[in-house]
Amino acid sequence: MGFVLDTVGKIIAGYLQKEVPGYEPFTPSDPERLRGLIEAGDVLLVEGNNRVSGIIKYLTQSTWSHAALYVGAIDGANEPDGEPHVLIEANIGEGVTTAPLSKYYPYHTRLCRPVGLSYEDRTTVCRYAINRVGFGYDTKNILDLMRYLIPLPIPQRWRRRMISLGSGDPTKIICSALIAQAFGAVRYPILPKITQAASRQARREILHIRDSSLYMPRDFDISPYFEIVKPTIVRGFDYTALHWADTTKPSPEVTDDTDPFPEGIFETPEAPLAPVAAFEQDSPEREPARDLAA
């Protein structure tokens, strides 16, 4: 029976991992800028294009369906061309694996950076994820896999719980739990549950760590503790250097040195004021003020 469940689970996982044809990112990544800016501990969000990505984006109402942790070059993990693996990620049907940064060059991505994380804690986060490379994926637990094959309308308040249903490794892998657990190892917040504690002396906020199975890729995007880093802007952006397809060359008005708007063209002439004497002459005489006490 275990062999049958394992076989069926692998078939379902393979189906969910198949890419949907015709995908074209609205804004693909700039490889050179991304590679020169990304740092250890950064979270790379990805707009995936396989079947499970579409379902996750529907359940989470977000652009992002996948998240990977950048840890720097990993010893012994390289592509055939020598490119080092620098990402730790968890995929359905595969488990925790490593990947090169170039894997997501063709995709729409977003870079989320933890703010103020010390070097020691950053190293701990990365080491936590690296030590879990090779963790398996329980394909026997087909309950977690089959729910992604049912495109039923799910109320918004139940969508996060829908992802966390079931048990075993599949649930923890799908919901960005690996990255959430890595940051949880150094007590770095993502989207903690906040309650107010009142006392006679002071009122303060108490942060509660959510269960890791409830985290989604979009949580790193909307977290107040992660900075959104856009390589195109950080490295310098000049909109005047862009070449638009519908404009072959700048118009003469733009390249001409003369000012098309002479000085004073937009100034409104002041209306002449009426003579004070004439105004007083035409105005009726005012009656003397009456004494209210009279």
C-alpha atoms as a PDB file:
ATOM      1  CA  MET A   1       0.000   0.000   0.000  1.00  0.00           C
ATOM      2  CA  GLY A   2       2.855   2.344   0.797  1.00  0.00           C
ATOM      3  CA  PHE A   3       4.378   1.759  -2.639  1.00  0.00           C
ATOM      4  CA  VAL A   4       1.067   2.594  -4.315  1.00  0.00           C
ATOM      5  CA  LEU A   5       0.629   5.832  -2.355  1.00  0.00           C
ATOM      6  CA  ASP A   6       4.213   6.807  -3.078  1.00  0.00           C
ATOM      7  CA  THR A   7       3.757   6.192  -6.802  1.00  0.00           C
ATOM      8  CA  VAL A   8       0.480   8.128  -6.965  1.00  0.00           C
ATOM      9  CA  GLY A   9       2.037  10.977  -5.009  1.00  0.00           C
ATOM     10  CA  LYS A  10       4.940  11.222  -7.436  1.00  0.00           C
ATOM     11  CA  ILE A  11       2.546  11.329 -10.395  1.00  0.00           C
ATOM     12  CA  ILE A  12       0.509  14.140  -8.817  1.00  0.00           C
ATOM     13  CA  ALA A  13       3.649  16.053  -7.879  1.00  0.00           C
ATOM     14  CA  GLY A  14       4.962  15.739 -11.416  1.00  0.00           C
ATOM     15  CA  TYR A  15       1.698  17.040 -12.836  1.00  0.00           C
ATOM     16  CA  LEU A  16       1.671  20.047 -10.514  1.00  0.00           C
ATOM     17  CA  GLN A  17       5.276  20.908 -11.377  1.00  0.00           C
ATOM     18  CA  LYS A  18       4.672  21.070 -15.152  1.00  0.00           C
ATOM     19  CA  GLU A  19       5.026  24.563 -16.578  1.00  0.00           C
ATOM     20  CA  VAL A  20       2.088  26.255 -18.237  1.00  0.00           C
ATOM     21  CA  PRO A  21       2.929  27.174 -21.862  1.00  0.00           C
ATOM     22  CA  GLY A  22       2.752  30.761 -23.027  1.00  0.00           C
ATOM     23  CA  TYR A  23       4.134  32.356 -19.859  1.00  0.00           C
ATOM     24  CA  GLU A  24       5.704  35.761 -20.412  1.00  0.00           C
ATOM     25  CA  PRO A  25       6.738  37.870 -17.392  1.00  0.00           C
ATOM     26  CA  PHE A  26       5.436  41.421 -17.386  1.00  0.00           C
ATOM     27  CA  THR A  27       8.717  42.725 -15.969  1.00  0.00           C
ATOM     28  CA  PRO A  28      11.554  40.157 -16.107  1.00  0.00           C
ATOM     29  CA  SER A  29      14.609  40.489 -13.902  1.00  0.00           C
ATOM     30  CA  ASP A  30      17.740  42.390 -14.888  1.00  0.00           C
ATOM     31  CA  PRO A  31      20.375  39.652 -14.394  1.00  0.00           C
ATOM     32  CA  GLU A  32      23.405  41.916 -14.085  1.00  0.00           C
ATOM     33  CA  ARG A  33      21.806  44.290 -11.597  1.00  0.00           C
ATOM     34  CA  LEU A  34      20.243  41.484  -9.571  1.00  0.00           C
ATOM     35  CA  ARG A  35      23.479  39.535  -9.322  1.00  0.00           C
ATOM     36  CA  GLY A  36      25.416  42.615  -8.237  1.00  0.00           C
ATOM     37  CA  LEU A  37      22.944  43.659  -5.558  1.00  0.00           C
ATOM     38  CA  ILE A  38      21.623  40.511  -3.864  1.00  0.00           C
ATOM     39  CA  GLU A  39      23.103  39.667  -0.451  1.00  0.00           C
ATOM     40  CA  ALA A  40      23.165  36.675   1.876  1.00  0.00           C
ATOM     41  CA  GLY A  41      19.916  36.463   3.810  1.00  0.00           C
ATOM     42  CA  ASP A  42      17.826  38.102   1.090  1.00  0.00           C
ATOM     43  CA  VAL A  43      14.544  36.452   0.125  1.00  0.00           C
ATOM     44  CA  LEU A  44      13.868  36.160  -3.604  1.00  0.00           C
ATOM     45  CA  LEU A  45      10.173  36.022  -4.480  1.00  0.00           C
ATOM     46  CA  VAL A  46       9.247  34.467  -7.810  1.00  0.00           C
ATOM     47  CA  GLU A  47       6.170  34.585  -9.993  1.00  0.00           C
ATOM     48  CA  GLY A  48       6.134  30.943 -11.064  1.00  0.00           C
ATOM     49  CA  ASN A  49       4.453  29.526 -14.129  1.00  0.00           C
ATOM     50  CA  ASN A  50       3.685  25.908 -13.275  1.00  0.00           C
ATOM     51  CA  ARG A  51       0.295  24.517 -12.294  1.00  0.00           C
ATOM     52  CA  VAL A  52       0.802  24.650  -8.558  1.00  0.00           C
ATOM     53  CA  SER A  53       2.032  28.257  -8.862  1.00  0.00           C
ATOM     54  CA  GLY A  54      -1.253  29.333 -10.386  1.00  0.00           C
ATOM     55  CA  ILE A  55      -3.210  27.709  -7.577  1.00  0.00           C
ATOM     56  CA  ILE A  56      -1.014  29.215  -4.870  1.00  0.00           C
ATOM     57  CA  LYS A  57      -1.392  32.672  -6.428  1.00  0.00           C
ATOM     58  CA  TYR A  58      -5.166  32.202  -6.410  1.00  0.00           C
ATOM     59  CA  LEU A  59      -5.302  31.022  -2.802  1.00  0.00           C
ATOM     60  CA  THR A  60      -3.006  33.813  -1.592  1.00  0.00           C
ATOM     61  CA  GLN A  61      -4.346  36.529  -3.933  1.00  0.00           C
ATOM     62  CA  SER A  62      -0.768  37.495  -4.711  1.00  0.00           C
ATOM     63  CA  THR A  63       1.664  37.729  -7.618  1.00  0.00           C
ATOM     64  CA  TRP A  64       4.239  35.572  -5.827  1.00  0.00           C
ATOM     65  CA  SER A  65       4.018  31.805  -5.752  1.00  0.00           C
ATOM     66  CA  HIS A  66       7.537  30.820  -4.699  1.00  0.00           C
ATOM     67  CA  ALA A  67      10.289  32.008  -2.390  1.00  0.00           C
ATOM     68  CA  ALA A  68      13.986  31.146  -2.222  1.00  0.00           C
ATOM     69  CA  LEU A  69      16.692  32.170   0.262  1.00  0.00           C
ATOM     70  CA  TYR A  70      19.975  33.571  -1.032  1.00  0.00           C
ATOM     71  CA  VAL A  71      22.889  32.164   0.990  1.00  0.00           C
ATOM     72  CA  GLY A  72      25.878  32.764  -1.294  1.00  0.00           C
ATOM     73  CA  ALA A  73      28.012  30.143  -3.011  1.00  0.00           C
ATOM     74  CA  ILE A  74      27.416  26.656  -1.606  1.00  0.00           C
ATOM     75  CA  ASP A  75      30.412  24.321  -1.452  1.00  0.00           C
ATOM     76  CA  GLY A  76      30.163  21.426  -3.874  1.00  0.00           C
ATOM     77  CA  ALA A  77      27.007  22.692  -5.614  1.00  0.00           C
ATOM     78  CA  ASN A  78      27.611  23.949  -9.141  1.00  0.00           C
ATOM     79  CA  GLU A  79      26.079  23.887 -12.591  1.00  0.00           C
ATOM     80  CA  PRO A  80      27.861  21.989 -15.408  1.00  0.00           C
ATOM     81  CA  ASP A  81      29.203  25.331 -16.684  1.00  0.00           C
ATOM     82  CA  GLY A  82      30.664  26.118 -13.272  1.00  0.00           C
ATOM     83  CA  GLU A  83      28.012  28.569 -12.048  1.00  0.00           C
ATOM     84  CA  PRO A  84      27.660  28.132  -8.267  1.00  0.00           C
ATOM     85  CA  HIS A  85      24.386  27.358  -6.540  1.00  0.00           C
ATOM     86  CA  VAL A  86      23.471  30.269  -4.278  1.00  0.00           C
ATOM     87  CA  LEU A  87      19.773  29.687  -3.506  1.00  0.00           C
ATOM     88  CA  ILE A  88      18.063  27.355  -1.049  1.00  0.00           C
ATOM     89  CA  GLU A  89      14.488  26.475  -1.970  1.00  0.00           C
ATOM     90  CA  ALA A  90      11.852  23.855  -1.317  1.00  0.00           C
ATOM     91  CA  ASN A  91       9.833  22.464  -4.209  1.00  0.00           C
ATOM     92  CA  ILE A  92       6.884  20.141  -4.289  1.00  0.00           C
ATOM     93  CA  GLY A  93       8.020  16.649  -5.181  1.00  0.00           C
ATOM     94  CA  GLU A  94      11.718  17.489  -4.692  1.00  0.00           C
ATOM     95  CA  GLY A  95      12.145  18.726  -1.139  1.00  0.00           C
ATOM     96  CA  VAL A  96      14.883  21.131  -0.072  1.00  0.00           C
ATOM     97  CA  THR A  97      17.362  21.746  -2.884  1.00  0.00           C
ATOM     98  CA  THR A  98      19.930  24.273  -4.113  1.00  0.00           C
ATOM     99  CA  ALA A  99      19.740  26.325  -7.300  1.00  0.00           C
ATOM    100  CA  PRO A 100      21.747  28.917  -9.243  1.00  0.00           C
ATOM    101  CA  LEU A 101      20.534  32.500  -9.430  1.00  0.00           C
ATOM    102  CA  SER A 102      20.243  32.230 -13.214  1.00  0.00           C
ATOM    103  CA  LYS A 103      17.351  29.808 -12.780  1.00  0.00           C
ATOM    104  CA  TYR A 104      15.028  32.749 -12.174  1.00  0.00           C
ATOM    105  CA  TYR A 105      16.448  35.303 -14.597  1.00  0.00           C
ATOM    106  CA  PRO A 106      13.527  34.793 -17.035  1.00  0.00           C
ATOM    107  CA  TYR A 107      10.939  35.293 -14.289  1.00  0.00           C
ATOM    108  CA  HIS A 108       9.337  38.252 -12.582  1.00  0.00           C
ATOM    109  CA  THR A 109      11.050  38.468  -9.194  1.00  0.00           C
ATOM    110  CA  ARG A 110      11.189  40.681  -6.117  1.00  0.00           C
ATOM    111  CA  LEU A 111      14.010  41.069  -3.619  1.00  0.00           C
ATOM    112  CA  CYS A 112      13.108  41.305   0.085  1.00  0.00           C
ATOM    113  CA  ARG A 113      15.871  42.168   2.554  1.00  0.00           C
ATOM    114  CA  PRO A 114      15.735  41.850   6.360  1.00  0.00           C
ATOM    115  CA  VAL A 115      16.499  45.184   7.988  1.00  0.00           C
ATOM    116  CA  GLY A 116      19.195  45.506  10.632  1.00  0.00           C
ATOM    117  CA  LEU A 117      20.035  41.806  10.771  1.00  0.00           C
ATOM    118  CA  SER A 118      23.500  41.353  12.263  1.00  0.00           C
ATOM    119  CA  TYR A 119      26.224  39.429  10.452  1.00  0.00           C
ATOM    120  CA  GLU A 120      26.112  36.634  13.026  1.00  0.00           C
ATOM    121  CA  ASP A 121      22.344  36.229  12.766  1.00  0.00           C
ATOM    122  CA  ARG A 122      22.489  36.438   8.969  1.00  0.00           C
ATOM    123  CA  THR A 123      25.020  33.623   8.979  1.00  0.00           C
ATOM    124  CA  THR A 124      22.799  31.583  11.290  1.00  0.00           C
ATOM    125  CA  VAL A 125      19.790  32.019   8.988  1.00  0.00           C
ATOM    126  CA  CYS A 126      21.787  30.875   5.966  1.00  0.00           C
ATOM    127  CA  ARG A 127      23.366  27.962   7.819  1.00  0.00           C
ATOM    128  CA  TYR A 128      19.967  26.818   9.071  1.00  0.00           C
ATOM    129  CA  ALA A 129      18.713  26.536   5.498  1.00  0.00           C
ATOM    130  CA  ILE A 130      21.892  24.932   4.143  1.00  0.00           C
ATOM    131  CA  ASN A 131      21.803  22.238   6.820  1.00  0.00           C
ATOM    132  CA  ARG A 132      18.352  21.196   5.603  1.00  0.00           C
ATOM    133  CA  VAL A 133      19.338  20.594   2.010  1.00  0.00           C
ATOM    134  CA  GLY A 134      18.335  17.069   1.099  1.00  0.00           C
ATOM    135  CA  PHE A 135      15.337  16.882   3.387  1.00  0.00           C
ATOM    136  CA  GLY A 136      12.856  14.633   1.621  1.00  0.00           C
ATOM    137  CA  TYR A 137       9.353  15.219   0.389  1.00  0.00           C
ATOM    138  CA  ASP A 138       6.695  12.824   1.633  1.00  0.00           C
ATOM    139  CA  THR A 139       4.937  11.909  -1.622  1.00  0.00           C
ATOM    140  CA  LYS A 140       2.923   9.295   0.266  1.00  0.00           C
ATOM    141  CA  ASN A 141       0.897  12.062   1.851  1.00  0.00           C
ATOM    142  CA  ILE A 142      -1.271  12.611  -1.220  1.00  0.00           C
ATOM    143  CA  LEU A 143      -3.904  14.489   0.795  1.00  0.00           C
ATOM    144  CA  ASP A 144      -1.659  17.553   0.669  1.00  0.00           C
ATOM    145  CA  LEU A 145      -1.160  17.110  -3.070  1.00  0.00           C
ATOM    146  CA  MET A 146      -4.707  16.341  -4.150  1.00  0.00           C
ATOM    147  CA  ARG A 147      -6.176  19.528  -2.697  1.00  0.00           C
ATOM    148  CA  TYR A 148      -4.229  21.532  -5.281  1.00  0.00           C
ATOM    149  CA  LEU A 149      -6.037  19.669  -8.051  1.00  0.00           C
ATOM    150  CA  ILE A 150      -9.474  20.926  -6.952  1.00  0.00           C
ATOM    151  CA  PRO A 151     -10.050  24.470  -8.311  1.00  0.00           C
ATOM    152  CA  LEU A 152     -12.988  25.222  -6.030  1.00  0.00           C
ATOM    153  CA  PRO A 153     -13.870  28.775  -4.987  1.00  0.00           C
ATOM    154  CA  ILE A 154     -12.426  29.288  -1.515  1.00  0.00           C
ATOM    155  CA  PRO A 155     -13.608  32.112   0.795  1.00  0.00           C
ATOM    156  CA  GLN A 156     -10.811  34.575   1.407  1.00  0.00           C
ATOM    157  CA  ARG A 157     -10.749  34.010   5.178  1.00  0.00           C
ATOM    158  CA  TRP A 158     -10.094  30.289   4.604  1.00  0.00           C
ATOM    159  CA  ARG A 159      -7.406  30.542   1.923  1.00  0.00           C
ATOM    160  CA  ARG A 160      -4.416  30.670   4.268  1.00  0.00           C
ATOM    161  CA  ARG A 161      -5.791  27.742   6.263  1.00  0.00           C
ATOM    162  CA  MET A 162      -6.394  25.856   3.017  1.00  0.00           C
ATOM    163  CA  ILE A 163      -2.657  25.873   2.359  1.00  0.00           C
ATOM    164  CA  SER A 164      -1.857  24.680   5.875  1.00  0.00           C
ATOM    165  CA  LEU A 165      -4.295  21.749   5.866  1.00  0.00           C
ATOM    166  CA  GLY A 166      -3.008  18.236   6.163  1.00  0.00           C
ATOM    167  CA  SER A 167       0.233  17.072   7.734  1.00  0.00           C
ATOM    168  CA  GLY A 168       3.736  16.034   6.884  1.00  0.00           C
ATOM    169  CA  ASP A 169       6.500  17.585   4.795  1.00  0.00           C
ATOM    170  CA  PRO A 170       4.367  18.732   1.818  1.00  0.00           C
ATOM    171  CA  THR A 171       2.534  21.328   3.897  1.00  0.00           C
ATOM    172  CA  LYS A 172       5.699  22.750   5.429  1.00  0.00           C
ATOM    173  CA  ILE A 173       7.429  22.980   2.069  1.00  0.00           C
ATOM    174  CA  ILE A 174       4.650  24.657   0.072  1.00  0.00           C
ATOM    175  CA  CYS A 175       4.087  27.553   2.464  1.00  0.00           C
ATOM    176  CA  SER A 176       7.605  29.057   2.577  1.00  0.00           C
ATOM    177  CA  ALA A 177       7.974  27.407   5.978  1.00  0.00           C
ATOM    178  CA  LEU A 178      11.656  26.616   5.462  1.00  0.00           C
ATOM    179  CA  ILE A 179      12.559  30.330   5.178  1.00  0.00           C
ATOM    180  CA  ALA A 180      10.197  31.270   7.994  1.00  0.00           C
ATOM    181  CA  GLN A 181      11.816  28.692  10.266  1.00  0.00           C
ATOM    182  CA  ALA A 182      15.292  29.954   9.335  1.00  0.00           C
ATOM    183  CA  PHE A 183      14.442  33.509  10.399  1.00  0.00           C
ATOM    184  CA  GLY A 184      12.626  32.161  13.419  1.00  0.00           C
ATOM    185  CA  ALA A 185      15.906  30.611  14.558  1.00  0.00           C
ATOM    186  CA  VAL A 186      17.223  34.125  15.279  1.00  0.00           C
ATOM    187  CA  ARG A 187      13.838  35.513  16.369  1.00  0.00           C
ATOM    188  CA  TYR A 188      13.560  37.809  13.354  1.00  0.00           C
ATOM    189  CA  PRO A 189       9.916  38.758  12.707  1.00  0.00           C
ATOM    190  CA  ILE A 190       8.072  38.321   9.428  1.00  0.00           C
ATOM    191  CA  LEU A 191       4.399  38.845  10.207  1.00  0.00           C
ATOM    192  CA  PRO A 192       4.047  38.191  13.919  1.00  0.00           C
ATOM    193  CA  LYS A 193       0.709  38.240  15.642  1.00  0.00           C
ATOM    194  CA  ILE A 194       0.639  41.359  17.818  1.00  0.00           C
ATOM    195  CA  THR A 195      -1.363  41.751  21.017  1.00  0.00           C
ATOM    196  CA  GLN A 196      -1.506  44.673  23.414  1.00  0.00           C
ATOM    197  CA  ALA A 197      -0.522  44.177  27.032  1.00  0.00           C
ATOM    198  CA  ALA A 198      -1.730  46.872  29.429  1.00  0.00           C
ATOM    199  CA  SER A 199      -0.336  47.578  32.851  1.00  0.00           C
ATOM    200  CA  ARG A 200      -0.237  50.461  35.276  1.00  0.00           C
ATOM    201  CA  GLN A 201       3.303  51.345  34.273  1.00  0.00           C
ATOM    202  CA  ALA A 202       3.200  51.029  30.490  1.00  0.00           C
ATOM    203  CA  ARG A 203       1.499  49.582  27.453  1.00  0.00           C
ATOM    204  CA  ARG A 204       3.634  47.502  25.155  1.00  0.00           C
ATOM    205  CA  GLU A 205       3.301  45.177  22.170  1.00  0.00           C
ATOM    206  CA  ILE A 206       3.929  41.468  22.527  1.00  0.00           C
ATOM    207  CA  LEU A 207       4.984  39.617  19.384  1.00  0.00           C
ATOM    208  CA  HIS A 208       3.821  36.058  18.880  1.00  0.00           C
ATOM    209  CA  ILE A 209       5.465  33.878  16.245  1.00  0.00           C
ATOM    210  CA  ARG A 210       2.928  32.357  13.865  1.00  0.00           C
ATOM    211  CA  ASP A 211       3.049  28.702  12.968  1.00  0.00           C
ATOM    212  CA  SER A 212       5.532  28.294  10.098  1.00  0.00           C
ATOM    213  CA  SER A 213       3.006  26.369   8.015  1.00  0.00           C
ATOM    214  CA  LEU A 214       0.864  29.507   7.745  1.00  0.00           C
ATOM    215  CA  TYR A 215       3.451  31.611   5.941  1.00  0.00           C
ATOM    216  CA  MET A 216       3.159  32.420   2.238  1.00  0.00           C
ATOM    217  CA  PRO A 217       5.616  33.976  -0.248  1.00  0.00           C
ATOM    218  CA  ARG A 218       3.683  37.254  -0.216  1.00  0.00           C
ATOM    219  CA  ASP A 219       4.228  37.627   3.550  1.00  0.00           C
ATOM    220  CA  PHE A 220       7.832  38.658   2.918  1.00  0.00           C
ATOM    221  CA  ASP A 221       6.565  41.287   0.470  1.00  0.00           C
ATOM    222  CA  ILE A 222       4.079  42.887   2.852  1.00  0.00           C
ATOM    223  CA  SER A 223       6.133  42.427   6.021  1.00  0.00           C
ATOM    224  CA  PRO A 224       7.033  45.746   7.701  1.00  0.00           C
ATOM    225  CA  TYR A 225      10.387  44.215   8.671  1.00  0.00           C
ATOM    226  CA  PHE A 226      11.659  43.467   5.156  1.00  0.00           C
ATOM    227  CA  GLU A 227      12.868  46.123   2.723  1.00  0.00           C
ATOM    228  CA  ILE A 228      11.837  45.887  -0.927  1.00  0.00           C
ATOM    229  CA  VAL A 229      15.025  46.262  -2.978  1.00  0.00           C
ATOM    230  CA  LYS A 230      14.606  47.081  -6.666  1.00  0.00           C
ATOM    231  CA  PRO A 231      17.923  46.664  -8.515  1.00  0.00           C
ATOM    232  CA  THR A 232      16.865  48.890 -11.390  1.00  0.00           C
ATOM    233  CA  ILE A 233      16.430  51.864  -9.061  1.00  0.00           C
ATOM    234  CA  VAL A 234      19.176  51.230  -6.501  1.00  0.00           C
ATOM    235  CA  ARG A 235      21.943  51.100  -9.103  1.00  0.00           C
ATOM    236  CA  GLY A 236      20.772  54.309 -10.735  1.00  0.00           C
ATOM    237  CA  PHE A 237      17.847  54.914 -13.056  1.00  0.00           C
ATOM    238  CA  ASP A 238      17.645  57.547 -15.787  1.00  0.00           C
ATOM    239  CA  TYR A 239      14.292  57.633 -17.521  1.00  0.00           C
ATOM    240  CA  THR A 240      15.675  59.893 -20.259  1.00  0.00           C
ATOM    241  CA  ALA A 241      17.984  57.082 -21.388  1.00  0.00           C
ATOM    242  CA  LEU A 242      15.083  54.791 -22.229  1.00  0.00           C
ATOM    243  CA  HIS A 243      14.392  54.077 -25.891  1.00  0.00           C
ATOM    244  CA  TRP A 244      10.689  53.863 -26.695  1.00  0.00           C
ATOM    245  CA  ALA A 245       9.574  51.744 -29.628  1.00  0.00           C
ATOM    246  CA  ASP A 246       7.174  54.394 -30.951  1.00  0.00           C
ATOM    247  CA  THR A 247       9.780  57.189 -30.948  1.00  0.00           C
ATOM    248  CA  THR A 248      12.737  57.001 -33.328  1.00  0.00           C
ATOM    249  CA  LYS A 249      14.389  60.228 -32.213  1.00  0.00           C
ATOM    250  CA  PRO A 250      13.640  63.140 -29.890  1.00  0.00           C
ATOM    251  CA  SER A 251      11.340  65.782 -31.263  1.00  0.00           C
ATOM    252  CA  PRO A 252      12.862  69.165 -32.316  1.00  0.00           C
ATOM    253  CA  GLU A 253      11.113  70.860 -29.419  1.00  0.00           C
ATOM    254  CA  VAL A 254      13.053  68.675 -27.004  1.00  0.00           C
ATOM    255  CA  THR A 255      16.484  69.042 -28.634  1.00  0.00           C
ATOM    256  CA  ASP A 256      16.224  72.783 -29.450  1.00  0.00           C
ATOM    257  CA  ASP A 257      18.139  75.021 -27.067  1.00  0.00           C
ATOM    258  CA  THR A 258      15.679  77.911 -27.365  1.00  0.00           C
ATOM    259  CA  ASP A 259      13.049  78.254 -24.712  1.00  0.00           C
ATOM    260  CA  PRO A 260       9.636  77.594 -26.303  1.00  0.00           C
ATOM    261  CA  PHE A 261       8.008  79.493 -23.447  1.00  0.00           C
ATOM    262  CA  PRO A 262       9.423  83.040 -23.228  1.00  0.00           C
ATOM    263  CA  GLU A 263       9.626  84.642 -19.852  1.00  0.00           C
ATOM    264  CA  GLY A 264       6.367  86.182 -18.768  1.00  0.00           C
ATOM    265  CA  ILE A 265       4.144  84.257 -21.178  1.00  0.00           C
ATOM    266  CA  PHE A 266       2.246  82.628 -18.324  1.00  0.00           C
ATOM    267  CA  GLU A 267       2.029  85.762 -16.164  1.00  0.00           C
ATOM    268  CA  THR A 268      -1.473  87.171 -15.709  1.00  0.00           C
ATOM    269  CA  PRO A 269      -1.656  90.951 -16.154  1.00  0.00           C
ATOM    270  CA  GLU A 270      -2.960  92.767 -13.115  1.00  0.00           C
ATOM    271  CA  ALA A 271      -6.285  94.542 -13.486  1.00  0.00           C
ATOM    272  CA  PRO A 272      -6.079  98.333 -12.950  1.00  0.00           C
ATOM    273  CA  LEU A 273      -7.438  99.544  -9.654  1.00  0.00           C
ATOM    274  CA  ALA A 274     -10.271 102.072  -9.588  1.00  0.00           C
ATOM    275  CA  PRO A 275      -9.326 105.560  -8.365  1.00  0.00           C
ATOM    276  CA  VAL A 276      -9.977 105.943  -4.685  1.00  0.00           C
ATOM    277  CA  ALA A 277     -11.467 109.419  -5.084  1.00  0.00           C
ATOM    278  CA  ALA A 278     -13.924 108.279  -7.723  1.00  0.00           C
ATOM    279  CA  PHE A 279     -14.964 105.339  -5.591  1.00  0.00           C
ATOM    280  CA  GLU A 280     -15.646 107.558  -2.605  1.00  0.00           C
ATOM    281  CA  GLN A 281     -17.566 110.017  -4.776  1.00  0.00           C
ATOM    282  CA  ASP A 282     -19.934 107.442  -6.243  1.00  0.00           C
ATOM    283  CA  SER A 283     -20.571 105.607  -2.997  1.00  0.00           C
ATOM    284  CA  PRO A 284     -23.578 106.684  -0.954  1.00  0.00           C
ATOM    285  CA  GLU A 285     -22.997 108.488   2.270  1.00  0.00           C
ATOM    286  CA  ARG A 286     -23.083 106.325   5.329  1.00  0.00           C
ATOM    287  CA  GLU A 287     -25.499 107.160   8.095  1.00  0.00           C
ATOM    288  CA  PRO A 288     -23.889 108.123  11.358  1.00  0.00           C
ATOM    289  CA  ALA A 289     -23.677 105.339  13.870  1.00  0.00           C
ATOM    290  CA  ARG A 290     -26.489 105.299  16.343  1.00  0.00           C
ATOM    291  CA  ASP A 291     -25.887 105.157  19.999  1.00  0.00           C
ATOM    292  CA  LEU A 292     -27.244 101.827  21.214  1.00  0.00           C
ATOM    293  CA  ALA A 293     -27.679 103.235  24.655  1.00  0.00           C
ATOM    294  CA  ALA A 294     -30.048 105.900  23.379  1.00  0.00           C
END
